[in-house]
């Protein structure tokens, strides 16, 4: 159950944070004033997203008993969320290089856990 809670909280928190930054890149004027005002309005969402990510890592740590593994899983999930947000907000279609890079990350992940 810790594994499901961990993945769910991480996915939700990372999705919210990456959606905020993707929206900012696409729709908010890059000037300091509009960007600052947008970030101030997003502070409550950023706070709750940060709490979700923290608890997600905590539950993954409980499930695997390895902080390194829990953080590696969270970074892998973050990369996947970034690819999805790039497609949704900026219409960046993943290419073969994207998939090759994700494959390298997965291979590195497997190598770190191989005993």
N, C-alpha and C. Protein backbone atom coordinates (compact mmCIF):
# COMPACT_ATOMS: atom_id res chain seq x y z
N UNK A 1 0.82 -1.19 0.00
CA UNK A 1 0.00 0.00 0.00
C UNK A 1 0.87 1.26 0.00
N UNK A 2 2.02 1.19 0.70
CA UNK A 2 2.94 2.33 0.71
C UNK A 2 3.40 2.68 -0.70
N UNK A 3 3.59 1.63 -1.51
CA UNK A 3 4.05 1.84 -2.88
C UNK A 3 3.01 2.62 -3.68
N UNK A 4 1.74 2.26 -3.55
CA UNK A 4 0.68 2.96 -4.28
C UNK A 4 0.53 4.40 -3.80
N UNK A 5 0.57 4.60 -2.48
CA UNK A 5 0.50 5.97 -1.95
C UNK A 5 1.67 6.80 -2.46
N UNK A 6 2.86 6.21 -2.43
CA UNK A 6 4.06 6.93 -2.87
C UNK A 6 3.97 7.36 -4.32
N UNK A 7 3.62 6.42 -5.20
CA UNK A 7 3.51 6.76 -6.62
C UNK A 7 2.40 7.77 -6.86
N UNK A 8 1.27 7.60 -6.20
CA UNK A 8 0.15 8.52 -6.40
C UNK A 8 0.48 9.93 -5.96
N UNK A 9 1.07 10.06 -4.77
CA UNK A 9 1.43 11.39 -4.27
C UNK A 9 2.52 12.04 -5.12
N UNK A 10 3.51 11.23 -5.51
CA UNK A 10 4.57 11.78 -6.36
C UNK A 10 4.02 12.23 -7.70
N UNK A 11 3.21 11.40 -8.32
CA UNK A 11 2.66 11.75 -9.63
C UNK A 11 1.80 13.01 -9.54
N UNK A 12 0.98 13.12 -8.52
CA UNK A 12 0.13 14.31 -8.37
C UNK A 12 0.96 15.56 -8.12
N UNK A 13 1.88 15.49 -7.17
CA UNK A 13 2.71 16.65 -6.84
C UNK A 13 3.58 17.10 -8.00
N UNK A 14 4.23 16.14 -8.67
CA UNK A 14 5.08 16.50 -9.80
C UNK A 14 4.26 17.04 -10.98
N UNK A 15 3.07 16.48 -11.17
CA UNK A 15 2.22 16.97 -12.26
C UNK A 15 1.79 18.42 -12.01
N UNK A 16 1.41 18.72 -10.79
CA UNK A 16 0.98 20.09 -10.48
C UNK A 16 2.13 21.08 -10.66
N UNK A 17 3.28 20.76 -10.12
CA UNK A 17 4.42 21.68 -10.22
C UNK A 17 4.84 21.87 -11.68
N UNK A 18 4.92 20.78 -12.43
CA UNK A 18 5.33 20.91 -13.83
C UNK A 18 4.26 21.60 -14.67
N UNK A 19 3.00 21.44 -14.32
CA UNK A 19 1.93 22.15 -15.02
C UNK A 19 2.03 23.65 -14.76
N UNK A 20 2.34 24.03 -13.54
CA UNK A 20 2.51 25.45 -13.21
C UNK A 20 3.63 26.06 -14.04
N UNK A 21 4.78 25.40 -14.08
CA UNK A 21 5.91 25.94 -14.82
C UNK A 21 5.67 25.91 -16.33
N UNK A 22 4.98 24.88 -16.81
CA UNK A 22 4.67 24.82 -18.24
C UNK A 22 3.71 25.93 -18.64
N UNK A 23 2.70 26.16 -17.82
CA UNK A 23 1.77 27.23 -18.10
C UNK A 23 2.48 28.59 -18.07
N UNK A 24 3.37 28.76 -17.11
CA UNK A 24 4.12 30.01 -17.01
C UNK A 24 4.95 30.23 -18.26
N UNK A 25 5.59 29.19 -18.76
CA UNK A 25 6.43 29.33 -19.95
C UNK A 25 5.60 29.68 -21.18
N UNK A 26 4.38 29.17 -21.24
CA UNK A 26 3.55 29.39 -22.42
C UNK A 26 2.73 30.67 -22.35
N UNK A 27 2.15 31.00 -21.21
CA UNK A 27 1.11 32.02 -21.16
C UNK A 27 1.45 33.27 -20.36
N UNK A 28 2.50 33.27 -19.58
CA UNK A 28 2.80 34.41 -18.72
C UNK A 28 3.91 35.24 -19.35
N UNK A 29 3.72 36.55 -19.36
CA UNK A 29 4.72 37.47 -19.90
C UNK A 29 6.04 37.26 -19.15
N UNK A 30 7.16 37.18 -19.86
CA UNK A 30 8.44 36.93 -19.19
C UNK A 30 8.98 38.10 -18.37
N UNK A 31 8.27 39.20 -18.33
CA UNK A 31 8.70 40.33 -17.51
C UNK A 31 8.65 39.98 -16.03
N UNK A 32 9.43 40.68 -15.25
CA UNK A 32 9.55 40.35 -13.83
C UNK A 32 8.22 40.50 -13.08
N UNK A 33 7.49 41.57 -13.32
CA UNK A 33 6.24 41.83 -12.60
C UNK A 33 5.18 40.77 -12.82
N UNK A 34 4.82 40.47 -14.07
CA UNK A 34 3.80 39.44 -14.29
C UNK A 34 4.22 38.06 -13.78
N UNK A 35 5.51 37.74 -13.95
CA UNK A 35 5.98 36.44 -13.49
C UNK A 35 5.93 36.36 -11.96
N UNK A 36 6.32 37.43 -11.29
CA UNK A 36 6.28 37.45 -9.83
C UNK A 36 4.84 37.34 -9.33
N UNK A 37 3.92 38.07 -9.95
CA UNK A 37 2.52 38.02 -9.55
C UNK A 37 1.94 36.61 -9.74
N UNK A 38 2.28 35.97 -10.86
CA UNK A 38 1.82 34.61 -11.11
C UNK A 38 2.37 33.65 -10.06
N UNK A 39 3.67 33.76 -9.77
CA UNK A 39 4.28 32.87 -8.79
C UNK A 39 3.69 33.08 -7.39
N UNK A 40 3.39 34.32 -7.03
CA UNK A 40 2.77 34.58 -5.73
C UNK A 40 1.38 33.95 -5.64
N UNK A 41 0.63 33.98 -6.73
CA UNK A 41 -0.69 33.36 -6.72
C UNK A 41 -0.60 31.84 -6.69
N UNK A 42 0.50 31.29 -7.17
CA UNK A 42 0.66 29.83 -7.22
C UNK A 42 1.29 29.26 -5.95
N UNK A 43 1.69 30.11 -5.00
CA UNK A 43 2.34 29.63 -3.78
C UNK A 43 1.54 28.55 -3.04
N UNK A 44 0.23 28.70 -2.85
CA UNK A 44 -0.49 27.62 -2.16
C UNK A 44 -0.41 26.28 -2.90
N UNK A 45 -0.54 26.31 -4.22
CA UNK A 45 -0.42 25.07 -4.99
C UNK A 45 0.98 24.49 -4.90
N UNK A 46 1.97 25.36 -4.96
CA UNK A 46 3.36 24.89 -4.85
C UNK A 46 3.61 24.25 -3.48
N UNK A 47 3.04 24.86 -2.44
CA UNK A 47 3.22 24.31 -1.10
C UNK A 47 2.61 22.91 -1.00
N UNK A 48 1.36 22.76 -1.44
CA UNK A 48 0.71 21.46 -1.34
C UNK A 48 1.37 20.42 -2.24
N UNK A 49 1.86 20.85 -3.39
CA UNK A 49 2.58 19.94 -4.27
C UNK A 49 3.88 19.46 -3.61
N UNK A 50 4.55 20.37 -2.97
CA UNK A 50 5.79 20.03 -2.27
C UNK A 50 5.52 19.04 -1.14
N UNK A 51 4.42 19.24 -0.41
CA UNK A 51 4.05 18.29 0.65
C UNK A 51 3.75 16.92 0.05
N UNK A 52 3.03 16.89 -1.08
CA UNK A 52 2.72 15.62 -1.73
C UNK A 52 4.00 14.89 -2.16
N UNK A 53 4.93 15.63 -2.72
CA UNK A 53 6.19 15.02 -3.15
C UNK A 53 6.96 14.48 -1.94
N UNK A 54 7.00 15.27 -0.87
CA UNK A 54 7.69 14.82 0.35
C UNK A 54 7.10 13.54 0.91
N UNK A 55 5.78 13.49 0.99
CA UNK A 55 5.14 12.27 1.49
C UNK A 55 5.27 11.12 0.50
N UNK A 56 5.27 11.43 -0.80
CA UNK A 56 5.48 10.38 -1.80
C UNK A 56 6.83 9.71 -1.64
N UNK A 57 7.87 10.52 -1.45
CA UNK A 57 9.21 9.95 -1.22
C UNK A 57 9.23 9.17 0.09
N UNK A 58 8.56 9.69 1.11
CA UNK A 58 8.52 9.00 2.40
C UNK A 58 7.85 7.62 2.28
N UNK A 59 6.74 7.54 1.55
CA UNK A 59 6.06 6.25 1.37
C UNK A 59 6.89 5.30 0.51
N UNK A 60 7.57 5.82 -0.51
CA UNK A 60 8.43 4.95 -1.30
C UNK A 60 9.61 4.45 -0.48
N UNK A 61 10.12 5.29 0.39
CA UNK A 61 11.20 4.84 1.28
C UNK A 61 10.71 3.72 2.19
N UNK A 62 9.50 3.85 2.72
CA UNK A 62 8.94 2.79 3.55
C UNK A 62 8.74 1.51 2.76
N UNK A 63 8.37 1.63 1.50
CA UNK A 63 8.11 0.45 0.68
C UNK A 63 9.41 -0.28 0.30
N UNK A 64 10.46 0.48 -0.03
CA UNK A 64 11.70 -0.13 -0.52
C UNK A 64 12.83 -0.15 0.49
N UNK A 65 12.71 0.58 1.58
CA UNK A 65 13.77 0.68 2.60
C UNK A 65 15.09 1.16 2.02
N UNK A 66 15.01 2.02 1.02
CA UNK A 66 16.21 2.60 0.41
C UNK A 66 15.86 4.00 -0.08
N UNK A 67 16.48 4.99 0.52
CA UNK A 67 16.23 6.37 0.12
C UNK A 67 16.76 6.64 -1.29
N UNK A 68 17.91 6.06 -1.62
CA UNK A 68 18.47 6.23 -2.95
C UNK A 68 17.50 5.72 -4.01
N UNK A 69 16.93 4.56 -3.77
CA UNK A 69 15.98 3.99 -4.71
C UNK A 69 14.73 4.85 -4.81
N UNK A 70 14.23 5.31 -3.67
CA UNK A 70 13.02 6.15 -3.67
C UNK A 70 13.25 7.44 -4.44
N UNK A 71 14.40 8.08 -4.25
CA UNK A 71 14.69 9.32 -4.97
C UNK A 71 14.93 9.07 -6.45
N UNK A 72 15.52 7.93 -6.79
CA UNK A 72 15.72 7.60 -8.20
C UNK A 72 14.39 7.37 -8.89
N UNK A 73 13.47 6.70 -8.23
CA UNK A 73 12.13 6.49 -8.78
C UNK A 73 11.44 7.84 -8.97
N UNK A 74 11.59 8.73 -8.00
CA UNK A 74 10.94 10.04 -8.13
C UNK A 74 11.52 10.84 -9.29
N UNK A 75 12.81 10.76 -9.52
CA UNK A 75 13.41 11.48 -10.65
C UNK A 75 12.98 10.87 -11.98
N UNK A 76 12.88 9.56 -12.05
CA UNK A 76 12.38 8.92 -13.27
C UNK A 76 10.95 9.32 -13.57
N UNK A 77 10.13 9.35 -12.54
CA UNK A 77 8.74 9.78 -12.71
C UNK A 77 8.68 11.25 -13.12
N UNK A 78 9.58 12.07 -12.58
CA UNK A 78 9.61 13.48 -12.95
C UNK A 78 9.96 13.66 -14.42
N UNK A 79 10.88 12.86 -14.93
CA UNK A 79 11.24 12.95 -16.34
C UNK A 79 10.03 12.61 -17.21
N UNK A 80 9.30 11.56 -16.83
CA UNK A 80 8.10 11.20 -17.60
C UNK A 80 7.05 12.30 -17.56
N UNK A 81 6.86 12.89 -16.39
CA UNK A 81 5.89 13.99 -16.27
C UNK A 81 6.33 15.17 -17.12
N UNK A 82 7.62 15.47 -17.16
CA UNK A 82 8.12 16.57 -17.98
C UNK A 82 7.86 16.33 -19.47
N UNK A 83 8.02 15.10 -19.92
CA UNK A 83 7.74 14.79 -21.32
C UNK A 83 6.26 14.99 -21.62
N UNK A 84 5.41 14.54 -20.72
CA UNK A 84 3.96 14.69 -20.90
C UNK A 84 3.57 16.17 -20.91
N UNK A 85 4.10 16.95 -19.97
CA UNK A 85 3.76 18.38 -19.91
C UNK A 85 4.28 19.12 -21.14
N UNK A 86 5.44 18.73 -21.64
CA UNK A 86 5.95 19.34 -22.86
C UNK A 86 5.01 19.09 -24.03
N UNK A 87 4.43 17.90 -24.07
CA UNK A 87 3.49 17.60 -25.13
C UNK A 87 2.17 18.34 -24.93
N UNK A 88 1.66 18.35 -23.71
CA UNK A 88 0.35 18.97 -23.46
C UNK A 88 0.37 20.49 -23.61
N UNK A 89 1.38 21.13 -23.06
CA UNK A 89 1.40 22.59 -23.04
C UNK A 89 2.11 23.21 -24.24
N UNK A 90 3.22 22.63 -24.63
CA UNK A 90 4.04 23.24 -25.67
C UNK A 90 3.99 22.49 -26.99
N UNK A 91 3.19 21.43 -27.05
CA UNK A 91 3.01 20.63 -28.27
C UNK A 91 4.33 20.08 -28.80
N UNK A 92 5.23 19.73 -27.90
CA UNK A 92 6.50 19.13 -28.28
C UNK A 92 6.31 17.62 -28.36
N UNK A 93 6.33 17.11 -29.58
CA UNK A 93 6.13 15.68 -29.79
C UNK A 93 7.45 14.97 -29.50
N UNK A 94 7.42 13.94 -28.64
CA UNK A 94 8.65 13.20 -28.36
C UNK A 94 9.20 12.53 -29.62
N UNK A 95 10.51 12.59 -29.78
CA UNK A 95 11.17 11.98 -30.93
C UNK A 95 11.88 10.71 -30.48
N UNK A 96 12.55 10.08 -31.40
CA UNK A 96 13.29 8.87 -31.07
C UNK A 96 14.37 9.17 -30.05
N UNK A 97 14.92 10.40 -30.08
CA UNK A 97 15.96 10.77 -29.12
C UNK A 97 15.39 10.85 -27.71
N UNK A 98 14.14 11.30 -27.60
CA UNK A 98 13.48 11.33 -26.29
C UNK A 98 13.37 9.92 -25.74
N UNK A 99 12.89 9.01 -26.58
CA UNK A 99 12.74 7.63 -26.14
C UNK A 99 14.08 6.98 -25.85
N UNK A 100 15.10 7.31 -26.64
CA UNK A 100 16.44 6.77 -26.37
C UNK A 100 16.96 7.27 -25.03
N UNK A 101 16.74 8.57 -24.76
CA UNK A 101 17.17 9.12 -23.46
C UNK A 101 16.44 8.47 -22.30
N UNK A 102 15.14 8.26 -22.45
CA UNK A 102 14.38 7.57 -21.40
C UNK A 102 14.88 6.14 -21.23
N UNK A 103 15.24 5.50 -22.35
CA UNK A 103 15.79 4.15 -22.27
C UNK A 103 17.10 4.10 -21.51
N UNK A 104 17.95 5.11 -21.74
CA UNK A 104 19.23 5.19 -21.01
C UNK A 104 18.96 5.37 -19.51
N UNK A 105 17.99 6.20 -19.17
CA UNK A 105 17.65 6.41 -17.76
C UNK A 105 17.15 5.11 -17.14
N UNK A 106 16.28 4.39 -17.85
CA UNK A 106 15.76 3.12 -17.33
C UNK A 106 16.88 2.11 -17.17
N UNK A 107 17.80 2.04 -18.15
CA UNK A 107 18.93 1.11 -18.04
C UNK A 107 19.81 1.47 -16.84
N UNK A 108 20.06 2.74 -16.64
CA UNK A 108 20.83 3.16 -15.47
C UNK A 108 20.12 2.81 -14.18
N UNK A 109 18.82 2.95 -14.17
CA UNK A 109 18.02 2.59 -13.01
C UNK A 109 18.14 1.10 -12.72
N UNK A 110 18.06 0.27 -13.76
CA UNK A 110 18.17 -1.18 -13.59
C UNK A 110 19.57 -1.53 -13.10
N UNK A 111 20.58 -0.89 -13.65
CA UNK A 111 21.96 -1.18 -13.24
C UNK A 111 22.21 -0.84 -11.78
N UNK A 112 21.58 0.23 -11.29
CA UNK A 112 21.80 0.59 -9.89
C UNK A 112 21.14 -0.40 -8.94
N UNK A 113 20.10 -1.08 -9.39
CA UNK A 113 19.38 -2.03 -8.52
C UNK A 113 19.83 -3.48 -8.73
N UNK A 114 20.66 -3.72 -9.73
CA UNK A 114 21.11 -5.08 -10.04
C UNK A 114 22.09 -5.55 -8.98
N UNK A 115 21.85 -6.72 -8.44
CA UNK A 115 22.73 -7.23 -7.37
C UNK A 115 23.49 -8.44 -7.84
